[in-house]
C-alpha atoms as a PDB file:
ATOM      1  CA  MET A   1     -70.906  45.720  -5.827  1.00  0.00           C
ATOM      2  CA  LYS A   2     -72.253  43.135  -3.407  1.00  0.00           C
ATOM      3  CA  ASN A   3     -68.759  42.559  -2.060  1.00  0.00           C
ATOM      4  CA  PHE A   4     -68.272  46.307  -1.688  1.00  0.00           C
ATOM      5  CA  PHE A   5     -71.384  46.682   0.475  1.00  0.00           C
ATOM      6  CA  GLY A   6     -70.354  43.673   2.544  1.00  0.00           C
ATOM      7  CA  PHE A   7     -66.937  45.225   3.138  1.00  0.00           C
ATOM      8  CA  PHE A   8     -68.545  48.577   3.996  1.00  0.00           C
ATOM      9  CA  ALA A   9     -70.835  46.906   6.524  1.00  0.00           C
ATOM     10  CA  LEU A  10     -67.796  45.237   8.109  1.00  0.00           C
ATOM     11  CA  LEU A  11     -65.979  48.568   8.402  1.00  0.00           C
ATOM     12  CA  LEU A  12     -69.090  50.164   9.920  1.00  0.00           C
ATOM     13  CA  SER A  13     -69.416  47.426  12.533  1.00  0.00           C
ATOM     14  CA  ILE A  14     -65.751  47.791  13.464  1.00  0.00           C
ATOM     15  CA  SER A  15     -66.070  51.577  13.814  1.00  0.00           C
ATOM     16  CA  LEU A  16     -69.146  51.199  16.009  1.00  0.00           C
ATOM     17  CA  PHE A  17     -67.333  48.687  18.193  1.00  0.00           C
ATOM     18  CA  THR A  18     -64.383  51.057  18.539  1.00  0.00           C
ATOM     19  CA  ALA A  19     -66.595  54.063  19.291  1.00  0.00           C
ATOM     20  CA  CYS A  20     -68.535  52.328  22.064  1.00  0.00           C
ATOM     21  CA  GLY A  21     -65.964  49.741  23.064  1.00  0.00           C
ATOM     22  CA  GLY A  22     -64.102  51.702  25.720  1.00  0.00           C
ATOM     23  CA  PRO A  23     -64.202  54.749  27.985  1.00  0.00           C
ATOM     24  CA  GLU A  24     -62.192  57.881  27.306  1.00  0.00           C
ATOM     25  CA  GLY A  25     -58.941  58.699  29.064  1.00  0.00           C
ATOM     26  CA  GLU A  26     -55.239  57.964  29.168  1.00  0.00           C
ATOM     27  CA  LYS A  27     -54.529  54.262  29.568  1.00  0.00           C
ATOM     28  CA  VAL A  28     -52.569  53.651  32.766  1.00  0.00           C
ATOM     29  CA  GLU A  29     -50.478  50.483  32.817  1.00  0.00           C
ATOM     30  CA  ALA A  30     -50.441  48.324  35.946  1.00  0.00           C
ATOM     31  CA  GLU A  31     -46.989  47.378  37.212  1.00  0.00           C
ATOM     32  CA  ALA A  32     -45.460  45.664  40.232  1.00  0.00           C
ATOM     33  CA  ALA A  33     -46.165  47.290  43.589  1.00  0.00           C
ATOM     34  CA  GLN A  34     -43.609  49.825  44.834  1.00  0.00           C
ATOM     35  CA  THR A  35     -42.333  50.983  48.209  1.00  0.00           C
ATOM     36  CA  GLU A  36     -44.727  53.403  49.865  1.00  0.00           C
ATOM     37  CA  ALA A  37     -43.693  57.040  50.258  1.00  0.00           C
ATOM     38  CA  THR A  38     -42.920  58.411  53.738  1.00  0.00           C
ATOM     39  CA  ALA A  39     -43.957  61.886  54.789  1.00  0.00           C
ATOM     40  CA  THR A  40     -41.069  64.304  55.331  1.00  0.00           C
ATOM     41  CA  ALA A  41     -40.548  66.089  58.626  1.00  0.00           C
ATOM     42  CA  GLU A  42     -41.675  69.456  57.214  1.00  0.00           C
ATOM     43  CA  ALA A  43     -44.797  68.023  55.552  1.00  0.00           C
ATOM     44  CA  VAL A  44     -48.235  69.110  56.773  1.00  0.00           C
ATOM     45  CA  ASN A  45     -50.981  66.505  57.130  1.00  0.00           C
ATOM     46  CA  TYR A  46     -54.327  67.075  55.433  1.00  0.00           C
ATOM     47  CA  THR A  47     -57.333  64.814  56.144  1.00  0.00           C
ATOM     48  CA  ILE A  48     -59.484  63.668  53.214  1.00  0.00           C
ATOM     49  CA  ASP A  49     -62.932  65.255  53.174  1.00  0.00           C
ATOM     50  CA  THR A  50     -65.037  62.174  52.351  1.00  0.00           C
ATOM     51  CA  GLY A  51     -68.117  64.287  51.619  1.00  0.00           C
ATOM     52  CA  ALA A  52     -66.358  66.391  48.995  1.00  0.00           C
ATOM     53  CA  SER A  53     -64.232  63.616  47.454  1.00  0.00           C
ATOM     54  CA  ASN A  54     -65.458  61.181  44.831  1.00  0.00           C
ATOM     55  CA  ILE A  55     -64.526  58.714  42.106  1.00  0.00           C
ATOM     56  CA  VAL A  56     -66.489  58.655  38.836  1.00  0.00           C
ATOM     57  CA  TRP A  57     -66.295  55.356  36.933  1.00  0.00           C
ATOM     58  CA  THR A  58     -67.222  54.379  33.374  1.00  0.00           C
ATOM     59  CA  GLY A  59     -67.664  50.815  32.120  1.00  0.00           C
ATOM     60  CA  ALA A  60     -68.271  50.064  28.446  1.00  0.00           C
ATOM     61  CA  LYS A  61     -69.324  47.386  25.967  1.00  0.00           C
ATOM     62  CA  PRO A  62     -69.922  47.489  22.192  1.00  0.00           C
ATOM     63  CA  THR A  63     -73.569  48.531  22.634  1.00  0.00           C
ATOM     64  CA  GLY A  64     -72.983  51.381  25.076  1.00  0.00           C
ATOM     65  CA  GLN A  65     -71.644  52.274  28.496  1.00  0.00           C
ATOM     66  CA  HIS A  66     -72.606  52.864  32.124  1.00  0.00           C
ATOM     67  CA  THR A  67     -71.332  55.465  34.561  1.00  0.00           C
ATOM     68  CA  GLY A  68     -71.395  55.783  38.340  1.00  0.00           C
ATOM     69  CA  ASN A  69     -69.750  56.918  41.559  1.00  0.00           C
ATOM     70  CA  LEU A  70     -67.657  55.516  44.394  1.00  0.00           C
ATOM     71  CA  LYS A  71     -67.198  57.234  47.730  1.00  0.00           C
ATOM     72  CA  LEU A  72     -64.150  57.376  49.960  1.00  0.00           C
ATOM     73  CA  SER A  73     -64.215  56.281  53.618  1.00  0.00           C
ATOM     74  CA  GLY A  74     -61.036  58.035  54.736  1.00  0.00           C
ATOM     75  CA  GLY A  75     -57.481  59.005  53.987  1.00  0.00           C
ATOM     76  CA  ASN A  76     -54.838  61.716  54.242  1.00  0.00           C
ATOM     77  CA  LEU A  77     -52.342  63.661  52.154  1.00  0.00           C
ATOM     78  CA  SER A  78     -48.924  64.988  53.268  1.00  0.00           C
ATOM     79  CA  ILE A  79     -48.097  68.352  51.684  1.00  0.00           C
ATOM     80  CA  ALA A  80     -44.712  70.118  51.561  1.00  0.00           C
ATOM     81  CA  ASP A  81     -43.948  73.185  49.428  1.00  0.00           C
ATOM     82  CA  GLY A  82     -47.234  72.828  47.598  1.00  0.00           C
ATOM     83  CA  ASN A  83     -46.602  69.245  46.593  1.00  0.00           C
ATOM     84  CA  ILE A  84     -47.987  65.888  47.705  1.00  0.00           C
ATOM     85  CA  THR A  85     -45.161  63.921  49.333  1.00  0.00           C
ATOM     86  CA  ALA A  86     -47.134  60.979  50.729  1.00  0.00           C
ATOM     87  CA  GLY A  87     -50.672  59.903  51.415  1.00  0.00           C
ATOM     88  CA  GLU A  88     -53.393  57.314  50.977  1.00  0.00           C
ATOM     89  CA  PHE A  89     -57.142  56.977  50.647  1.00  0.00           C
ATOM     90  CA  THR A  90     -59.618  54.182  51.168  1.00  0.00           C
ATOM     91  CA  ILE A  91     -62.478  53.468  48.730  1.00  0.00           C
ATOM     92  CA  ASP A  92     -65.812  52.236  50.089  1.00  0.00           C
ATOM     93  CA  MET A  93     -66.743  49.551  47.548  1.00  0.00           C
ATOM     94  CA  ASN A  94     -70.218  49.147  49.082  1.00  0.00           C
ATOM     95  CA  SER A  95     -70.939  52.750  48.008  1.00  0.00           C
ATOM     96  CA  LEU A  96     -70.700  51.745  44.321  1.00  0.00           C
ATOM     97  CA  GLU A  97     -73.636  53.258  42.457  1.00  0.00           C
ATOM     98  CA  ASN A  98     -74.840  53.677  38.907  1.00  0.00           C
ATOM     99  CA  THR A  99     -75.843  57.149  37.686  1.00  0.00           C
ATOM    100  CA  ASP A 100     -77.131  56.673  34.119  1.00  0.00           C
ATOM    101  CA  LEU A 101     -80.052  54.335  34.855  1.00  0.00           C
ATOM    102  CA  LYS A 102     -83.207  55.181  36.768  1.00  0.00           C
ATOM    103  CA  ALA A 103     -84.558  53.302  39.759  1.00  0.00           C
ATOM    104  CA  GLY A 104     -86.757  50.448  38.560  1.00  0.00           C
ATOM    105  CA  GLU A 105     -85.196  50.521  35.077  1.00  0.00           C
ATOM    106  CA  GLY A 106     -82.141  48.358  35.707  1.00  0.00           C
ATOM    107  CA  LYS A 107     -80.198  50.561  38.138  1.00  0.00           C
ATOM    108  CA  GLU A 108     -80.567  48.208  41.121  1.00  0.00           C
ATOM    109  CA  ASP A 109     -79.803  45.107  39.058  1.00  0.00           C
ATOM    110  CA  LEU A 110     -76.601  46.607  37.658  1.00  0.00           C
ATOM    111  CA  GLU A 111     -75.410  47.824  41.072  1.00  0.00           C
ATOM    112  CA  GLY A 112     -76.160  44.454  42.612  1.00  0.00           C
ATOM    113  CA  HIS A 113     -74.327  42.564  39.874  1.00  0.00           C
ATOM    114  CA  LEU A 114     -71.233  44.777  40.124  1.00  0.00           C
ATOM    115  CA  LYS A 115     -71.066  43.999  43.837  1.00  0.00           C
ATOM    116  CA  THR A 116     -71.111  40.210  43.348  1.00  0.00           C
ATOM    117  CA  GLY A 117     -68.205  37.825  42.823  1.00  0.00           C
ATOM    118  CA  ASP A 118     -68.482  38.350  39.044  1.00  0.00           C
ATOM    119  CA  PHE A 119     -66.969  41.787  39.601  1.00  0.00           C
ATOM    120  CA  PHE A 120     -65.856  43.419  42.869  1.00  0.00           C
ATOM    121  CA  GLU A 121     -67.179  40.925  45.464  1.00  0.00           C
ATOM    122  CA  VAL A 122     -67.804  43.711  47.994  1.00  0.00           C
ATOM    123  CA  GLU A 123     -69.033  41.384  50.747  1.00  0.00           C
ATOM    124  CA  LYS A 124     -65.551  39.820  50.904  1.00  0.00           C
ATOM    125  CA  TYR A 125     -63.606  42.920  49.830  1.00  0.00           C
ATOM    126  CA  PRO A 126     -65.538  45.924  51.207  1.00  0.00           C
ATOM    127  CA  THR A 127     -62.729  48.414  50.574  1.00  0.00           C
ATOM    128  CA  ALA A 128     -60.036  49.218  48.044  1.00  0.00           C
ATOM    129  CA  LYS A 129     -57.005  51.384  48.764  1.00  0.00           C
ATOM    130  CA  PHE A 130     -54.536  53.688  47.038  1.00  0.00           C
ATOM    131  CA  VAL A 131     -51.196  54.483  48.694  1.00  0.00           C
ATOM    132  CA  VAL A 132     -48.803  57.078  47.233  1.00  0.00           C
ATOM    133  CA  THR A 133     -45.309  55.848  46.340  1.00  0.00           C
ATOM    134  CA  ASN A 134     -43.980  58.745  44.254  1.00  0.00           C
ATOM    135  CA  VAL A 135     -45.035  62.153  42.924  1.00  0.00           C
ATOM    136  CA  ALA A 136     -43.345  63.846  39.958  1.00  0.00           C
ATOM    137  CA  PRO A 137     -44.058  67.325  38.500  1.00  0.00           C
ATOM    138  CA  VAL A 138     -45.505  67.534  34.981  1.00  0.00           C
ATOM    139  CA  THR A 139     -45.111  70.374  32.495  1.00  0.00           C
ATOM    140  CA  GLY A 140     -46.766  71.075  29.153  1.00  0.00           C
ATOM    141  CA  ASP A 141     -50.303  70.059  30.126  1.00  0.00           C
ATOM    142  CA  ALA A 142     -52.694  72.681  31.536  1.00  0.00           C
ATOM    143  CA  GLN A 143     -54.813  69.977  33.137  1.00  0.00           C
ATOM    144  CA  VAL A 144     -51.994  68.163  34.912  1.00  0.00           C
ATOM    145  CA  THR A 145     -49.437  69.401  37.424  1.00  0.00           C
ATOM    146  CA  HIS A 146     -48.189  66.071  38.746  1.00  0.00           C
ATOM    147  CA  LYS A 147     -47.967  62.367  37.954  1.00  0.00           C
ATOM    148  CA  VAL A 148     -48.955  60.552  41.154  1.00  0.00           C
ATOM    149  CA  THR A 149     -47.746  56.964  41.369  1.00  0.00           C
ATOM    150  CA  GLY A 150     -49.226  54.652  43.936  1.00  0.00           C
ATOM    151  CA  ASN A 151     -50.187  51.122  44.890  1.00  0.00           C
ATOM    152  CA  LEU A 152     -53.841  50.379  44.121  1.00  0.00           C
ATOM    153  CA  THR A 153     -55.213  47.397  46.036  1.00  0.00           C
ATOM    154  CA  MET A 154     -58.494  45.765  44.993  1.00  0.00           C
ATOM    155  CA  LYS A 155     -59.651  42.246  45.865  1.00  0.00           C
ATOM    156  CA  ASP A 156     -56.304  41.632  47.662  1.00  0.00           C
ATOM    157  CA  VAL A 157     -54.337  42.370  44.473  1.00  0.00           C
ATOM    158  CA  THR A 158     -51.880  45.271  44.633  1.00  0.00           C
ATOM    159  CA  LYS A 159     -50.547  46.945  41.482  1.00  0.00           C
ATOM    160  CA  SER A 160     -48.680  50.211  40.893  1.00  0.00           C
ATOM    161  CA  VAL A 161     -50.341  52.846  38.654  1.00  0.00           C
ATOM    162  CA  SER A 162     -49.338  56.376  37.697  1.00  0.00           C
ATOM    163  CA  ILE A 163     -52.204  58.876  37.541  1.00  0.00           C
ATOM    164  CA  PRO A 164     -52.220  62.327  35.859  1.00  0.00           C
ATOM    165  CA  VAL A 165     -53.373  64.819  38.504  1.00  0.00           C
ATOM    166  CA  ASN A 166     -53.895  68.573  38.946  1.00  0.00           C
ATOM    167  CA  VAL A 167     -52.899  69.502  42.516  1.00  0.00           C
ATOM    168  CA  ALA A 168     -53.895  72.849  44.058  1.00  0.00           C
ATOM    169  CA  VAL A 169     -53.009  73.920  47.595  1.00  0.00           C
ATOM    170  CA  MET A 170     -55.107  76.821  48.927  1.00  0.00           C
ATOM    171  CA  GLY A 171     -54.297  77.599  52.560  1.00  0.00           C
ATOM    172  CA  ASP A 172     -56.009  75.020  54.747  1.00  0.00           C
ATOM    173  CA  LYS A 173     -57.392  73.060  51.806  1.00  0.00           C
ATOM    174  CA  VAL A 174     -55.827  70.932  49.068  1.00  0.00           C
ATOM    175  CA  SER A 175     -57.505  69.492  46.014  1.00  0.00           C
ATOM    176  CA  ALA A 176     -56.251  66.798  43.661  1.00  0.00           C
ATOM    177  CA  GLN A 177     -58.276  66.349  40.466  1.00  0.00           C
ATOM    178  CA  SER A 178     -57.221  63.570  38.127  1.00  0.00           C
ATOM    179  CA  LYS A 179     -57.498  63.749  34.374  1.00  0.00           C
ATOM    180  CA  ALA A 180     -59.676  60.970  32.928  1.00  0.00           C
ATOM    181  CA  PHE A 181     -57.700  57.725  32.802  1.00  0.00           C
ATOM    182  CA  THR A 182     -58.347  54.009  32.380  1.00  0.00           C
ATOM    183  CA  ILE A 183     -57.118  50.849  34.075  1.00  0.00           C
ATOM    184  CA  ASP A 184     -57.410  47.218  32.972  1.00  0.00           C
ATOM    185  CA  ARG A 185     -59.822  45.577  35.440  1.00  0.00           C
ATOM    186  CA  THR A 186     -58.446  42.100  34.722  1.00  0.00           C
ATOM    187  CA  GLU A 187     -55.157  43.087  36.360  1.00  0.00           C
ATOM    188  CA  TRP A 188     -57.070  43.016  39.649  1.00  0.00           C
ATOM    189  CA  GLY A 189     -58.878  39.731  38.971  1.00  0.00           C
ATOM    190  CA  VAL A 190     -62.095  41.266  37.640  1.00  0.00           C
ATOM    191  CA  SER A 191     -62.450  39.201  34.468  1.00  0.00           C
ATOM    192  CA  TYR A 192     -66.206  38.718  33.999  1.00  0.00           C
ATOM    193  CA  ASN A 193     -67.077  38.670  30.279  1.00  0.00           C
ATOM    194  CA  SER A 194     -63.606  39.860  29.375  1.00  0.00           C
ATOM    195  CA  GLY A 195     -62.674  39.772  25.714  1.00  0.00           C
ATOM    196  CA  THR A 196     -59.517  37.873  26.723  1.00  0.00           C
ATOM    197  CA  LEU A 197     -61.618  34.868  27.757  1.00  0.00           C
ATOM    198  CA  ALA A 198     -62.305  32.392  24.971  1.00  0.00           C
ATOM    199  CA  SER A 199     -65.613  31.457  26.652  1.00  0.00           C
ATOM    200  CA  THR A 200     -67.055  34.991  26.295  1.00  0.00           C
ATOM    201  CA  ALA A 201     -69.530  35.356  23.398  1.00  0.00           C
ATOM    202  CA  LYS A 202     -68.819  38.363  21.195  1.00  0.00           C
ATOM    203  CA  ASP A 203     -72.159  40.011  22.005  1.00  0.00           C
ATOM    204  CA  LYS A 204     -71.488  39.663  25.747  1.00  0.00           C
ATOM    205  CA  ILE A 205     -67.971  41.166  25.859  1.00  0.00           C
ATOM    206  CA  ILE A 206     -67.429  43.958  28.417  1.00  0.00           C
ATOM    207  CA  ASN A 207     -64.408  46.183  27.805  1.00  0.00           C
ATOM    208  CA  ASP A 208     -61.450  45.407  30.055  1.00  0.00           C
ATOM    209  CA  GLU A 209     -60.673  49.139  30.403  1.00  0.00           C
ATOM    210  CA  VAL A 210     -62.522  50.970  33.176  1.00  0.00           C
ATOM    211  CA  GLY A 211     -62.533  54.752  33.044  1.00  0.00           C
ATOM    212  CA  LEU A 212     -61.890  56.705  36.255  1.00  0.00           C
ATOM    213  CA  VAL A 213     -61.844  60.338  37.336  1.00  0.00           C
ATOM    214  CA  ILE A 214     -60.715  60.909  40.942  1.00  0.00           C
ATOM    215  CA  THR A 215     -61.527  64.062  42.928  1.00  0.00           C
ATOM    216  CA  LEU A 216     -59.811  64.462  46.285  1.00  0.00           C
ATOM    217  CA  VAL A 217     -60.403  67.306  48.728  1.00  0.00           C
ATOM    218  CA  ALA A 218     -58.462  67.390  51.993  1.00  0.00           C
ATOM    219  CA  ASN A 219     -58.387  69.802  54.913  1.00  0.00           C
ATOM    220  CA  LYS A 220     -55.562  70.754  57.250  1.00  0.00           C
END
Protein backbone atom coordinates (compact mmCIF):
# COMPACT_ATOMS: atom_id res chain seq x y z
CA MET A 1 0.00 0.00 0.00
CA LYS A 2 2.84 2.36 0.84
CA ASN A 3 4.40 1.73 -2.57
CA PHE A 4 1.03 2.37 -4.21
CA PHE A 5 0.68 5.81 -2.60
CA GLY A 6 4.27 6.62 -3.51
CA PHE A 7 3.60 5.69 -7.13
CA PHE A 8 0.34 7.72 -7.10
CA ALA A 9 2.19 10.77 -5.77
CA LEU A 10 4.75 10.41 -8.56
CA LEU A 11 2.00 10.27 -11.20
CA LEU A 12 0.34 13.33 -9.67
CA SER A 13 3.57 15.32 -9.73
CA ILE A 14 4.14 14.38 -13.37
CA SER A 15 0.60 15.41 -14.34
CA LEU A 16 0.98 18.75 -12.56
CA PHE A 17 4.28 19.36 -14.34
CA THR A 18 2.66 18.58 -17.67
CA ALA A 19 -0.38 20.74 -16.98
CA CYS A 20 1.65 23.81 -16.03
CA GLY A 21 4.83 23.04 -17.93
CA GLY A 22 4.02 24.70 -21.23
CA PRO A 23 1.73 27.16 -22.99
CA GLU A 24 -1.05 26.07 -25.31
CA GLY A 25 -0.75 26.12 -29.08
CA GLU A 26 0.61 24.29 -32.08
CA LYS A 27 4.36 23.75 -31.81
CA VAL A 28 6.17 25.45 -34.69
CA GLU A 29 9.56 24.00 -35.58
CA ALA A 30 12.44 26.35 -36.36
CA GLU A 31 14.30 25.61 -39.59
CA ALA A 32 17.02 27.20 -41.70
CA ALA A 33 16.23 30.69 -43.03
CA GLN A 34 14.64 30.87 -46.48
CA THR A 35 14.68 33.33 -49.38
CA GLU A 36 12.39 36.29 -48.74
CA ALA A 37 9.25 36.66 -50.84
CA THR A 38 9.03 39.48 -53.41
CA ALA A 39 5.83 41.42 -53.97
CA THR A 40 4.22 40.83 -57.36
CA ALA A 41 3.51 43.69 -59.75
CA GLU A 42 -0.26 43.52 -59.15
CA ALA A 43 0.06 43.41 -55.35
CA VAL A 44 -1.25 46.29 -53.26
CA ASN A 45 0.80 47.54 -50.31
CA TYR A 46 -0.80 47.81 -46.87
CA THR A 47 0.98 49.53 -43.97
CA ILE A 48 0.91 47.91 -40.54
CA ASP A 49 -1.24 49.79 -38.02
CA THR A 50 1.06 49.63 -35.00
CA GLY A 51 -1.68 50.83 -32.65
CA ALA A 52 -4.06 48.03 -33.62
CA SER A 53 -1.46 45.25 -33.98
CA ASN A 54 -0.08 43.24 -31.08
CA ILE A 55 1.69 40.06 -29.99
CA VAL A 56 0.51 38.19 -26.89
CA TRP A 57 3.16 35.96 -25.28
CA THR A 58 2.97 33.22 -22.65
CA GLY A 59 5.92 31.82 -20.70
CA ALA A 60 5.55 28.85 -18.37
CA LYS A 61 7.22 26.83 -15.64
CA PRO A 62 6.01 23.89 -13.51
CA THR A 63 4.47 26.19 -10.88
CA GLY A 64 2.53 28.44 -13.27
CA GLN A 65 2.85 30.86 -16.16
CA HIS A 66 3.09 34.54 -17.08
CA THR A 67 1.51 36.42 -19.97
CA GLY A 68 2.20 39.73 -21.65
CA ASN A 69 2.30 41.86 -24.77
CA LEU A 70 4.75 43.07 -27.39
CA LYS A 71 4.09 45.98 -29.72
CA LEU A 72 5.14 46.45 -33.34
CA SER A 73 7.13 49.45 -34.54
CA GLY A 74 6.36 49.12 -38.26
CA GLY A 75 5.87 46.88 -41.25
CA ASN A 76 3.86 46.23 -44.38
CA LEU A 77 1.92 43.51 -46.19
CA SER A 78 1.58 43.01 -49.95
CA ILE A 79 -1.87 41.74 -50.94
CA ALA A 80 -2.96 40.25 -54.27
CA ASP A 81 -6.30 38.49 -54.90
CA GLY A 82 -7.06 38.47 -51.18
CA ASN A 83 -3.79 36.75 -50.26
CA ILE A 84 -0.58 37.89 -48.60
CA THR A 85 2.22 37.61 -51.16
CA ALA A 86 5.03 39.34 -49.24
CA GLY A 87 5.57 41.49 -46.19
CA GLU A 88 7.41 42.05 -42.95
CA PHE A 89 6.96 43.55 -39.51
CA THR A 90 9.31 44.78 -36.80
CA ILE A 91 8.80 43.98 -33.11
CA ASP A 92 9.72 46.58 -30.49
CA MET A 93 11.42 44.46 -27.83
CA ASN A 94 11.57 47.40 -25.41
CA SER A 95 7.76 47.36 -25.37
CA LEU A 96 7.76 43.93 -23.69
CA GLU A 97 5.29 43.99 -20.80
CA ASN A 98 3.73 41.58 -18.34
CA THR A 99 -0.06 41.54 -17.96
CA ASP A 100 -0.82 39.03 -15.18
CA LEU A 101 1.07 40.73 -12.33
CA LYS A 102 0.20 44.06 -10.71
CA ALA A 103 2.54 47.00 -10.32
CA GLY A 104 4.52 46.62 -7.10
CA GLU A 105 3.81 42.87 -6.94
CA GLY A 106 6.57 41.59 -9.20
CA LYS A 107 5.50 43.07 -12.55
CA GLU A 108 8.44 45.47 -12.85
CA ASP A 109 10.98 42.86 -11.70
CA LEU A 110 9.76 40.32 -14.27
CA GLU A 111 9.74 42.84 -17.12
CA GLY A 112 13.21 44.04 -16.18
CA HIS A 113 14.60 40.51 -16.01
CA LEU A 114 13.12 39.54 -19.40
CA LYS A 115 14.89 42.55 -20.93
CA THR A 116 18.33 41.58 -19.58
CA GLY A 117 20.98 39.36 -21.15
CA ASP A 118 19.41 36.33 -19.44
CA PHE A 119 16.58 36.57 -21.95
CA PHE A 120 16.13 39.09 -24.80
CA GLU A 121 18.94 41.59 -24.07
CA VAL A 122 16.88 44.47 -25.44
CA GLU A 123 19.58 47.11 -24.92
CA LYS A 124 21.74 45.31 -27.50
CA TYR A 125 18.87 43.89 -29.59
CA PRO A 126 16.04 46.48 -29.41
CA THR A 127 14.04 44.92 -32.24
CA ALA A 128 13.08 41.55 -33.67
CA LYS A 129 11.79 41.03 -37.21
CA PHE A 130 9.58 38.69 -39.22
CA VAL A 131 9.89 38.60 -43.03
CA VAL A 132 7.47 36.56 -45.16
CA THR A 133 9.04 33.91 -47.41
CA ASN A 134 5.98 31.90 -48.47
CA VAL A 135 2.21 31.79 -47.98
CA ALA A 136 0.12 28.66 -48.61
CA PRO A 137 -3.70 28.28 -48.38
CA VAL A 138 -5.10 25.97 -45.67
CA THR A 139 -8.39 24.07 -45.74
CA GLY A 140 -10.25 22.11 -43.08
CA ASP A 141 -9.66 24.53 -40.18
CA ALA A 142 -12.21 27.29 -39.51
CA GLN A 143 -9.59 29.30 -37.61
CA VAL A 144 -6.89 29.16 -40.28
CA THR A 145 -6.93 30.28 -43.90
CA HIS A 146 -3.19 30.29 -44.60
CA LYS A 147 0.13 28.96 -43.38
CA VAL A 148 2.52 31.91 -43.40
CA THR A 149 6.20 30.98 -43.49
CA GLY A 150 8.80 33.58 -42.69
CA ASN A 151 12.23 34.32 -41.26
CA LEU A 152 12.06 35.33 -37.60
CA THR A 153 15.14 37.21 -36.39
CA MET A 154 15.83 37.68 -32.68
CA LYS A 155 19.17 38.45 -31.05
CA ASP A 156 20.84 38.28 -34.51
CA VAL A 157 19.64 34.69 -35.01
CA THR A 158 17.38 34.06 -38.02
CA LYS A 159 15.20 30.95 -38.29
CA SER A 160 12.30 30.02 -40.55
CA VAL A 161 8.92 29.31 -38.92
CA SER A 162 5.48 28.52 -40.38
CA ILE A 163 2.57 30.15 -38.57
CA PRO A 164 -1.16 29.23 -38.81
CA VAL A 165 -3.02 32.45 -39.70
CA ASN A 166 -6.54 33.63 -40.52
CA VAL A 167 -6.29 36.35 -43.19
CA ALA A 168 -9.22 38.68 -43.96
CA VAL A 169 -9.13 41.45 -46.58
CA MET A 170 -11.89 44.05 -46.19
CA GLY A 171 -11.52 46.89 -48.68
CA ASP A 172 -8.80 49.22 -47.43
CA LYS A 173 -7.99 47.08 -44.40
CA VAL A 174 -6.42 43.64 -43.96
CA SER A 175 -6.18 41.61 -40.77
CA ALA A 176 -4.04 38.57 -40.06
CA GLN A 177 -4.82 36.75 -36.82
CA SER A 178 -2.64 33.80 -35.88
CA LYS A 179 -3.87 30.74 -34.08
CA ALA A 180 -2.02 30.14 -30.80
CA PHE A 181 1.39 28.58 -31.49
CA THR A 182 4.66 27.98 -29.69
CA ILE A 183 8.33 28.37 -30.57
CA ASP A 184 11.41 27.01 -28.80
CA ARG A 185 13.20 30.06 -27.35
CA THR A 186 16.54 28.25 -27.19
CA GLU A 187 16.64 28.21 -31.01
CA TRP A 188 17.26 31.97 -30.78
CA GLY A 189 19.85 31.78 -28.01
CA VAL A 190 17.44 32.42 -25.11
CA SER A 191 18.49 29.57 -22.84
CA TYR A 192 18.15 30.92 -19.29
CA ASN A 193 17.02 28.13 -16.92
CA SER A 194 16.29 25.85 -19.84
CA GLY A 195 15.56 22.23 -19.03
CA THR A 196 18.21 21.28 -21.61
CA LEU A 197 20.95 22.74 -19.39
CA ALA A 198 22.42 20.31 -16.88
CA SER A 199 23.14 23.22 -14.53
CA THR A 200 19.45 24.14 -14.15
CA ALA A 201 17.89 22.93 -10.89
CA LYS A 202 14.56 21.12 -11.39
CA ASP A 203 12.61 23.69 -9.38
CA LYS A 204 14.08 26.53 -11.49
CA ILE A 205 13.32 25.15 -14.95
CA ILE A 206 11.46 27.48 -17.33
CA ASN A 207 9.75 25.83 -20.28
CA ASP A 208 11.61 26.19 -23.56
CA GLU A 209 8.32 26.69 -25.44
CA VAL A 210 6.99 30.25 -25.60
CA GLY A 211 3.38 30.70 -26.61
CA LEU A 212 2.50 33.44 -29.12
CA VAL A 213 -0.64 34.90 -30.67
CA ILE A 214 -0.02 37.53 -33.37
CA THR A 215 -2.60 40.11 -34.43
CA LEU A 216 -1.77 42.22 -37.48
CA VAL A 217 -3.91 45.02 -38.85
CA ALA A 218 -2.77 46.91 -41.95
CA ASN A 219 -4.26 49.75 -43.98
CA LYS A 220 -4.00 50.53 -47.68
